[in-house]
């Protein structure tokens, strides 16, 4: 029996799952992959991003300076 897995428990994420998980658009994700800032893997035609790599990418974004 196939059990539904919560996205927070997934090891690998699709581009759409990354978009759903954080307020980052598809274009920005593909740009980050192209610039080497976000590692991605291919499984057939599907692009996969490890959850830990996505978290590290988000953590690497610049902090907003206090006004």
PDB file of N, CA and C in Angstrom:
ATOM      1  N   UNK A   1       0.848  -1.185   0.000  1.00  0.00           N
ATOM      2  CA  UNK A   1       0.000   0.000   0.000  1.00  0.00           C
ATOM      3  C   UNK A   1       0.888   1.241   0.000  1.00  0.00           C
ATOM      4  N   UNK A   2       0.614   2.174  -0.910  1.00  0.00           N
ATOM      5  CA  UNK A   2       1.402   3.409  -1.008  1.00  0.00           C
ATOM      6  C   UNK A   2       0.928   4.402   0.042  1.00  0.00           C
ATOM      7  N   UNK A   3       1.865   4.903   0.809  1.00  0.00           N
ATOM      8  CA  UNK A   3       1.528   5.870   1.859  1.00  0.00           C
ATOM      9  C   UNK A   3       1.931   7.269   1.400  1.00  0.00           C
ATOM     10  N   UNK A   4       1.033   8.234   1.545  1.00  0.00           N
ATOM     11  CA  UNK A   4       1.315   9.623   1.189  1.00  0.00           C
ATOM     12  C   UNK A   4       2.371  10.177   2.136  1.00  0.00           C
ATOM     13  N   UNK A   5       3.410  10.808   1.582  1.00  0.00           N
ATOM     14  CA  UNK A   5       4.483  11.367   2.387  1.00  0.00           C
ATOM     15  C   UNK A   5       4.330  12.880   2.452  1.00  0.00           C
ATOM     16  N   UNK A   6       4.422  13.427   3.642  1.00  0.00           N
ATOM     17  CA  UNK A   6       4.383  14.867   3.830  1.00  0.00           C
ATOM     18  C   UNK A   6       5.607  15.477   3.154  1.00  0.00           C
ATOM     19  N   UNK A   7       5.429  16.628   2.490  1.00  0.00           N
ATOM     20  CA  UNK A   7       6.530  17.267   1.771  1.00  0.00           C
ATOM     21  C   UNK A   7       7.705  17.595   2.693  1.00  0.00           C
ATOM     22  N   UNK A   8       7.445  17.872   3.964  1.00  0.00           N
ATOM     23  CA  UNK A   8       8.524  18.210   4.883  1.00  0.00           C
ATOM     24  C   UNK A   8       9.410  17.002   5.179  1.00  0.00           C
ATOM     25  N   UNK A   9       8.917  15.791   4.862  1.00  0.00           N
ATOM     26  CA  UNK A   9       9.680  14.578   5.107  1.00  0.00           C
ATOM     27  C   UNK A   9      10.369  14.071   3.852  1.00  0.00           C
ATOM     28  N   UNK A  10      10.134  14.678   2.718  1.00  0.00           N
ATOM     29  CA  UNK A  10      10.701  14.190   1.469  1.00  0.00           C
ATOM     30  C   UNK A  10      12.194  14.454   1.398  1.00  0.00           C
ATOM     31  N   UNK A  11      12.910  13.518   0.823  1.00  0.00           N
ATOM     32  CA  UNK A  11      14.356  13.621   0.648  1.00  0.00           C
ATOM     33  C   UNK A  11      14.690  14.447  -0.595  1.00  0.00           C
ATOM     34  N   UNK A  12      13.946  14.209  -1.672  1.00  0.00           N
ATOM     35  CA  UNK A  12      14.146  14.937  -2.916  1.00  0.00           C
ATOM     36  C   UNK A  12      12.885  15.675  -3.307  1.00  0.00           C
ATOM     37  N   UNK A  13      13.049  16.862  -3.870  1.00  0.00           N
ATOM     38  CA  UNK A  13      11.911  17.705  -4.231  1.00  0.00           C
ATOM     39  C   UNK A  13      11.945  18.029  -5.719  1.00  0.00           C
ATOM     40  N   UNK A  14      10.780  18.091  -6.324  1.00  0.00           N
ATOM     41  CA  UNK A  14      10.677  18.580  -7.696  1.00  0.00           C
ATOM     42  C   UNK A  14      10.726  20.109  -7.658  1.00  0.00           C
ATOM     43  N   UNK A  15      10.850  20.712  -8.813  1.00  0.00           N
ATOM     44  CA  UNK A  15      10.833  22.176  -8.890  1.00  0.00           C
ATOM     45  C   UNK A  15       9.507  22.707  -8.338  1.00  0.00           C
ATOM     46  N   UNK A  16       8.406  22.091  -8.722  1.00  0.00           N
ATOM     47  CA  UNK A  16       7.092  22.539  -8.242  1.00  0.00           C
ATOM     48  C   UNK A  16       6.972  22.412  -6.730  1.00  0.00           C
ATOM     49  N   UNK A  17       7.546  21.369  -6.162  1.00  0.00           N
ATOM     50  CA  UNK A  17       7.505  21.207  -4.705  1.00  0.00           C
ATOM     51  C   UNK A  17       8.351  22.278  -4.011  1.00  0.00           C
ATOM     52  N   UNK A  18       9.458  22.661  -4.622  1.00  0.00           N
ATOM     53  CA  UNK A  18      10.271  23.749  -4.061  1.00  0.00           C
ATOM     54  C   UNK A  18       9.488  25.055  -4.073  1.00  0.00           C
ATOM     55  N   UNK A  19       8.804  25.317  -5.188  1.00  0.00           N
ATOM     56  CA  UNK A  19       7.989  26.531  -5.313  1.00  0.00           C
ATOM     57  C   UNK A  19       6.886  26.538  -4.259  1.00  0.00           C
ATOM     58  N   UNK A  20       6.277  25.382  -4.020  1.00  0.00           N
ATOM     59  CA  UNK A  20       5.202  25.294  -3.032  1.00  0.00           C
ATOM     60  C   UNK A  20       5.730  25.430  -1.606  1.00  0.00           C
ATOM     61  N   UNK A  21       6.966  25.047  -1.408  1.00  0.00           N
ATOM     62  CA  UNK A  21       7.537  25.027  -0.059  1.00  0.00           C
ATOM     63  C   UNK A  21       8.043  26.399   0.387  1.00  0.00           C
ATOM     64  N   UNK A  22       8.483  27.222  -0.538  1.00  0.00           N
ATOM     65  CA  UNK A  22       9.034  28.539  -0.201  1.00  0.00           C
ATOM     66  C   UNK A  22       8.575  29.547  -1.251  1.00  0.00           C
ATOM     67  N   UNK A  23       8.505  30.802  -0.890  1.00  0.00           N
ATOM     68  CA  UNK A  23       8.055  31.820  -1.853  1.00  0.00           C
ATOM     69  C   UNK A  23       9.148  32.191  -2.855  1.00  0.00           C
ATOM     70  N   UNK A  24       9.588  31.197  -3.602  1.00  0.00           N
ATOM     71  CA  UNK A  24      10.602  31.392  -4.641  1.00  0.00           C
ATOM     72  C   UNK A  24       9.986  30.884  -5.932  1.00  0.00           C
ATOM     73  N   UNK A  25      10.072  31.670  -6.981  1.00  0.00           N
ATOM     74  CA  UNK A  25       9.464  31.281  -8.249  1.00  0.00           C
ATOM     75  C   UNK A  25      10.305  30.280  -9.023  1.00  0.00           C
ATOM     76  N   UNK A  26       9.663  29.634  -9.991  1.00  0.00           N
ATOM     77  CA  UNK A  26      10.343  28.647 -10.836  1.00  0.00           C
ATOM     78  C   UNK A  26      11.544  29.247 -11.539  1.00  0.00           C
ATOM     79  N   UNK A  27      11.399  30.466 -12.043  1.00  0.00           N
ATOM     80  CA  UNK A  27      12.493  31.105 -12.771  1.00  0.00           C
ATOM     81  C   UNK A  27      13.707  31.296 -11.876  1.00  0.00           C
ATOM     82  N   UNK A  28      13.501  31.760 -10.654  1.00  0.00           N
ATOM     83  CA  UNK A  28      14.609  31.958  -9.715  1.00  0.00           C
ATOM     84  C   UNK A  28      15.296  30.638  -9.377  1.00  0.00           C
ATOM     85  N   UNK A  29      14.504  29.585  -9.241  1.00  0.00           N
ATOM     86  CA  UNK A  29      15.088  28.279  -8.945  1.00  0.00           C
ATOM     87  C   UNK A  29      15.950  27.811 -10.110  1.00  0.00           C
ATOM     88  N   UNK A  30      15.442  27.933 -11.329  1.00  0.00           N
ATOM     89  CA  UNK A  30      16.232  27.533 -12.494  1.00  0.00           C
ATOM     90  C   UNK A  30      17.471  28.414 -12.653  1.00  0.00           C
ATOM     91  N   UNK A  31      17.369  29.704 -12.346  1.00  0.00           N
ATOM     92  CA  UNK A  31      18.538  30.591 -12.393  1.00  0.00           C
ATOM     93  C   UNK A  31      19.591  30.143 -11.379  1.00  0.00           C
ATOM     94  N   UNK A  32      19.158  29.812 -10.162  1.00  0.00           N
ATOM     95  CA  UNK A  32      20.083  29.367  -9.124  1.00  0.00           C
ATOM     96  C   UNK A  32      20.772  28.069  -9.534  1.00  0.00           C
ATOM     97  N   UNK A  33      20.034  27.179 -10.176  1.00  0.00           N
ATOM     98  CA  UNK A  33      20.634  25.934 -10.674  1.00  0.00           C
ATOM     99  C   UNK A  33      21.675  26.260 -11.746  1.00  0.00           C
ATOM    100  N   UNK A  34      21.305  27.114 -12.691  1.00  0.00           N
ATOM    101  CA  UNK A  34      22.206  27.492 -13.785  1.00  0.00           C
ATOM    102  C   UNK A  34      23.471  28.189 -13.314  1.00  0.00           C
ATOM    103  N   UNK A  35      23.371  28.958 -12.235  1.00  0.00           N
ATOM    104  CA  UNK A  35      24.523  29.680 -11.686  1.00  0.00           C
ATOM    105  C   UNK A  35      25.347  28.809 -10.737  1.00  0.00           C
ATOM    106  N   UNK A  36      24.905  27.581 -10.504  1.00  0.00           N
ATOM    107  CA  UNK A  36      25.626  26.685  -9.618  1.00  0.00           C
ATOM    108  C   UNK A  36      25.378  26.943  -8.138  1.00  0.00           C
ATOM    109  N   UNK A  37      24.377  27.749  -7.826  1.00  0.00           N
ATOM    110  CA  UNK A  37      24.069  28.064  -6.431  1.00  0.00           C
ATOM    111  C   UNK A  37      23.182  27.000  -5.782  1.00  0.00           C
ATOM    112  N   UNK A  38      22.461  26.255  -6.603  1.00  0.00           N
ATOM    113  CA  UNK A  38      21.543  25.234  -6.109  1.00  0.00           C
ATOM    114  C   UNK A  38      21.791  23.939  -6.879  1.00  0.00           C
ATOM    115  N   UNK A  39      22.389  22.948  -6.227  1.00  0.00           N
ATOM    116  CA  UNK A  39      22.643  21.674  -6.912  1.00  0.00           C
ATOM    117  C   UNK A  39      21.332  20.979  -7.274  1.00  0.00           C
ATOM    118  N   UNK A  40      21.301  20.402  -8.453  1.00  0.00           N
ATOM    119  CA  UNK A  40      20.116  19.672  -8.900  1.00  0.00           C
ATOM    120  C   UNK A  40      20.562  18.377  -9.565  1.00  0.00           C
ATOM    121  N   UNK A  41      19.673  17.424  -9.585  1.00  0.00           N
ATOM    122  CA  UNK A  41      19.935  16.134 -10.192  1.00  0.00           C
ATOM    123  C   UNK A  41      18.837  15.830 -11.188  1.00  0.00           C
ATOM    124  N   UNK A  42      19.140  14.981 -12.145  1.00  0.00           N
ATOM    125  CA  UNK A  42      18.152  14.579 -13.140  1.00  0.00           C
ATOM    126  C   UNK A  42      17.825  13.106 -12.973  1.00  0.00           C
ATOM    127  N   UNK A  43      16.541  12.815 -13.058  1.00  0.00           N
ATOM    128  CA  UNK A  43      16.051  11.438 -13.073  1.00  0.00           C
ATOM    129  C   UNK A  43      15.137  11.361 -14.293  1.00  0.00           C
ATOM    130  N   UNK A  44      15.699  10.900 -15.396  1.00  0.00           N
ATOM    131  CA  UNK A  44      14.959  10.968 -16.655  1.00  0.00           C
ATOM    132  C   UNK A  44      14.806  12.430 -17.052  1.00  0.00           C
ATOM    133  N   UNK A  45      13.590  12.866 -17.267  1.00  0.00           N
ATOM    134  CA  UNK A  45      13.337  14.266 -17.625  1.00  0.00           C
ATOM    135  C   UNK A  45      13.091  15.138 -16.408  1.00  0.00           C
ATOM    136  N   UNK A  46      12.956  14.517 -15.248  1.00  0.00           N
ATOM    137  CA  UNK A  46      12.594  15.247 -14.031  1.00  0.00           C
ATOM    138  C   UNK A  46      13.825  15.826 -13.341  1.00  0.00           C
ATOM    139  N   UNK A  47      13.730  17.079 -12.923  1.00  0.00           N
ATOM    140  CA  UNK A  47      14.783  17.736 -12.151  1.00  0.00           C
ATOM    141  C   UNK A  47      14.446  17.609 -10.683  1.00  0.00           C
ATOM    142  N   UNK A  48      15.397  17.092  -9.917  1.00  0.00           N
ATOM    143  CA  UNK A  48      15.198  16.896  -8.484  1.00  0.00           C
ATOM    144  C   UNK A  48      16.229  17.683  -7.687  1.00  0.00           C
ATOM    145  N   UNK A  49      15.781  18.208  -6.569  1.00  0.00           N
ATOM    146  CA  UNK A  49      16.654  18.952  -5.657  1.00  0.00           C
ATOM    147  C   UNK A  49      16.542  18.298  -4.294  1.00  0.00           C
ATOM    148  N   UNK A  50      17.684  17.971  -3.706  1.00  0.00           N
ATOM    149  CA  UNK A  50      17.650  17.395  -2.366  1.00  0.00           C
ATOM    150  C   UNK A  50      17.137  18.441  -1.386  1.00  0.00           C
ATOM    151  N   UNK A  51      16.303  18.002  -0.451  1.00  0.00           N
ATOM    152  CA  UNK A  51      15.698  18.921   0.518  1.00  0.00           C
ATOM    153  C   UNK A  51      16.770  19.696   1.282  1.00  0.00           C
ATOM    154  N   UNK A  52      17.856  19.021   1.668  1.00  0.00           N
ATOM    155  CA  UNK A  52      18.932  19.708   2.398  1.00  0.00           C
ATOM    156  C   UNK A  52      19.617  20.761   1.534  1.00  0.00           C
ATOM    157  N   UNK A  53      19.776  20.485   0.226  1.00  0.00           N
ATOM    158  CA  UNK A  53      20.377  21.474  -0.681  1.00  0.00           C
ATOM    159  C   UNK A  53      19.468  22.694  -0.822  1.00  0.00           C
ATOM    160  N   UNK A  54      18.153  22.473  -0.868  1.00  0.00           N
ATOM    161  CA  UNK A  54      17.217  23.587  -0.987  1.00  0.00           C
ATOM    162  C   UNK A  54      17.235  24.437   0.282  1.00  0.00           C
ATOM    163  N   UNK A  55      17.271  23.783   1.432  1.00  0.00           N
ATOM    164  CA  UNK A  55      17.357  24.512   2.703  1.00  0.00           C
ATOM    165  C   UNK A  55      18.645  25.333   2.763  1.00  0.00           C
ATOM    166  N   UNK A  56      19.758  24.738   2.324  1.00  0.00           N
ATOM    167  CA  UNK A  56      21.043  25.446   2.340  1.00  0.00           C
ATOM    168  C   UNK A  56      21.016  26.641   1.394  1.00  0.00           C
ATOM    169  N   UNK A  57      20.385  26.487   0.221  1.00  0.00           N
ATOM    170  CA  UNK A  57      20.262  27.598  -0.721  1.00  0.00           C
ATOM    171  C   UNK A  57      19.475  28.746  -0.092  1.00  0.00           C
ATOM    172  N   UNK A  58      18.338  28.426   0.520  1.00  0.00           N
ATOM    173  CA  UNK A  58      17.534  29.473   1.158  1.00  0.00           C
ATOM    174  C   UNK A  58      18.317  30.151   2.279  1.00  0.00           C
ATOM    175  N   UNK A  59      19.056  29.384   3.057  1.00  0.00           N
ATOM    176  CA  UNK A  59      19.846  29.940   4.159  1.00  0.00           C
ATOM    177  C   UNK A  59      20.989  30.815   3.646  1.00  0.00           C
ATOM    178  N   UNK A  60      21.439  30.577   2.407  1.00  0.00           N
ATOM    179  CA  UNK A  60      22.551  31.348   1.846  1.00  0.00           C
ATOM    180  C   UNK A  60      22.116  32.689   1.271  1.00  0.00           C
ATOM    181  N   UNK A  61      20.814  32.901   1.124  1.00  0.00           N
ATOM    182  CA  UNK A  61      20.329  34.171   0.573  1.00  0.00           C
ATOM    183  C   UNK A  61      20.666  35.299   1.537  1.00  0.00           C
ATOM    184  N   UNK A  62      20.924  36.489   1.017  1.00  0.00           N
ATOM    185  CA  UNK A  62      21.311  37.602   1.888  1.00  0.00           C
ATOM    186  C   UNK A  62      20.207  37.988   2.872  1.00  0.00           C
ATOM    187  N   UNK A  63      20.632  38.369   4.042  1.00  0.00           N
ATOM    188  CA  UNK A  63      19.701  38.859   5.069  1.00  0.00           C
ATOM    189  C   UNK A  63      19.254  40.273   4.727  1.00  0.00           C
ATOM    190  N   UNK A  64      18.068  40.604   5.119  1.00  0.00           N
ATOM    191  CA  UNK A  64      17.562  41.960   4.939  1.00  0.00           C
ATOM    192  C   UNK A  64      18.136  42.805   6.066  1.00  0.00           C
ATOM    193  N   UNK A  65      18.714  43.931   5.687  1.00  0.00           N
ATOM    194  CA  UNK A  65      19.289  44.811   6.713  1.00  0.00           C
ATOM    195  C   UNK A  65      18.191  45.594   7.402  1.00  0.00           C
ATOM    196  N   UNK A  66      18.385  45.801   8.704  1.00  0.00           N
ATOM    197  CA  UNK A  66      17.417  46.576   9.486  1.00  0.00           C
ATOM    198  C   UNK A  66      17.430  48.025   9.014  1.00  0.00           C
ATOM    199  N   UNK A  67      16.275  48.644   9.058  1.00  0.00           N
ATOM    200  CA  UNK A  67      16.159  50.027   8.604  1.00  0.00           C
ATOM    201  C   UNK A  67      16.725  51.008   9.605  1.00  0.00           C
TER     202      UNK A  67
END
